[in-house]
Amino acid sequence: MHNSATHDFTIIKAKSTIKKITIDPSEFMADVKAANNTYEGK
């Protein structure tokens, strides 16, 4: 059995102003794919 959760959130800023978002920077959560925990704006 596979149990997964998704979460949505809203940031009230222009996407162009976001430099970086990191989920779980301390790597405390069990995560099979830590490589997708960061978004870096362009």
C-alpha atoms as a PDB file:
ATOM      1  CA  MET A   1       0.000   0.000   0.000  1.00  0.00           C
ATOM      2  CA  HIS A   2       1.344   3.423  -0.991  1.00  0.00           C
ATOM      3  CA  ASN A   3       0.348   6.425   1.081  1.00  0.00           C
ATOM      4  CA  SER A   4       1.296   9.850  -0.222  1.00  0.00           C
ATOM      5  CA  ALA A   5       0.232  13.321   0.744  1.00  0.00           C
ATOM      6  CA  THR A   6       0.276  16.536  -1.195  1.00  0.00           C
ATOM      7  CA  HIS A   7       0.065  20.027   0.157  1.00  0.00           C
ATOM      8  CA  ASP A   8      -0.909  23.254  -1.549  1.00  0.00           C
ATOM      9  CA  PHE A   9      -0.062  26.745  -0.426  1.00  0.00           C
ATOM     10  CA  THR A  10      -0.352  30.221  -1.846  1.00  0.00           C
ATOM     11  CA  ILE A  11       2.366  32.844  -1.880  1.00  0.00           C
ATOM     12  CA  ILE A  12       1.061  36.320  -2.477  1.00  0.00           C
ATOM     13  CA  LYS A  13       4.077  37.609  -4.355  1.00  0.00           C
ATOM     14  CA  ALA A  14       4.955  37.788  -8.028  1.00  0.00           C
ATOM     15  CA  LYS A  15       6.732  34.578  -9.041  1.00  0.00           C
ATOM     16  CA  SER A  16       9.529  36.681 -10.513  1.00  0.00           C
ATOM     17  CA  THR A  17      10.360  38.035  -7.035  1.00  0.00           C
ATOM     18  CA  ILE A  18      10.884  34.587  -5.469  1.00  0.00           C
ATOM     19  CA  LYS A  19      14.553  33.654  -5.355  1.00  0.00           C
ATOM     20  CA  LYS A  20      14.343  30.279  -3.640  1.00  0.00           C
ATOM     21  CA  ILE A  21      11.927  28.038  -1.734  1.00  0.00           C
ATOM     22  CA  THR A  22      13.256  25.068   0.229  1.00  0.00           C
ATOM     23  CA  ILE A  23      11.054  22.479   1.871  1.00  0.00           C
ATOM     24  CA  ASP A  24      12.656  20.635   4.794  1.00  0.00           C
ATOM     25  CA  PRO A  25      16.117  22.270   4.688  1.00  0.00           C
ATOM     26  CA  SER A  26      17.193  20.319   7.803  1.00  0.00           C
ATOM     27  CA  GLU A  27      16.279  17.047   6.021  1.00  0.00           C
ATOM     28  CA  PHE A  28      14.383  15.909   9.121  1.00  0.00           C
ATOM     29  CA  MET A  29      11.456  14.338   7.219  1.00  0.00           C
ATOM     30  CA  ALA A  30      11.706  10.939   5.599  1.00  0.00           C
ATOM     31  CA  ASP A  31      11.978  11.729   1.916  1.00  0.00           C
ATOM     32  CA  VAL A  32      12.775   9.379  -0.953  1.00  0.00           C
ATOM     33  CA  LYS A  33      13.566  12.215  -3.369  1.00  0.00           C
ATOM     34  CA  ALA A  34      15.208  15.131  -1.564  1.00  0.00           C
ATOM     35  CA  ALA A  35      16.355  16.578  -4.887  1.00  0.00           C
ATOM     36  CA  ASN A  36      12.882  17.988  -5.546  1.00  0.00           C
ATOM     37  CA  ASN A  37      12.641  19.935  -2.267  1.00  0.00           C
ATOM     38  CA  THR A  38      13.976  23.192  -3.709  1.00  0.00           C
ATOM     39  CA  TYR A  39      12.589  25.666  -6.200  1.00  0.00           C
ATOM     40  CA  GLU A  40      14.964  28.310  -7.527  1.00  0.00           C
ATOM     41  CA  GLY A  41      13.475  31.212  -9.435  1.00  0.00           C
ATOM     42  CA  LYS A  42      14.841  32.215 -12.783  1.00  0.00           C
END
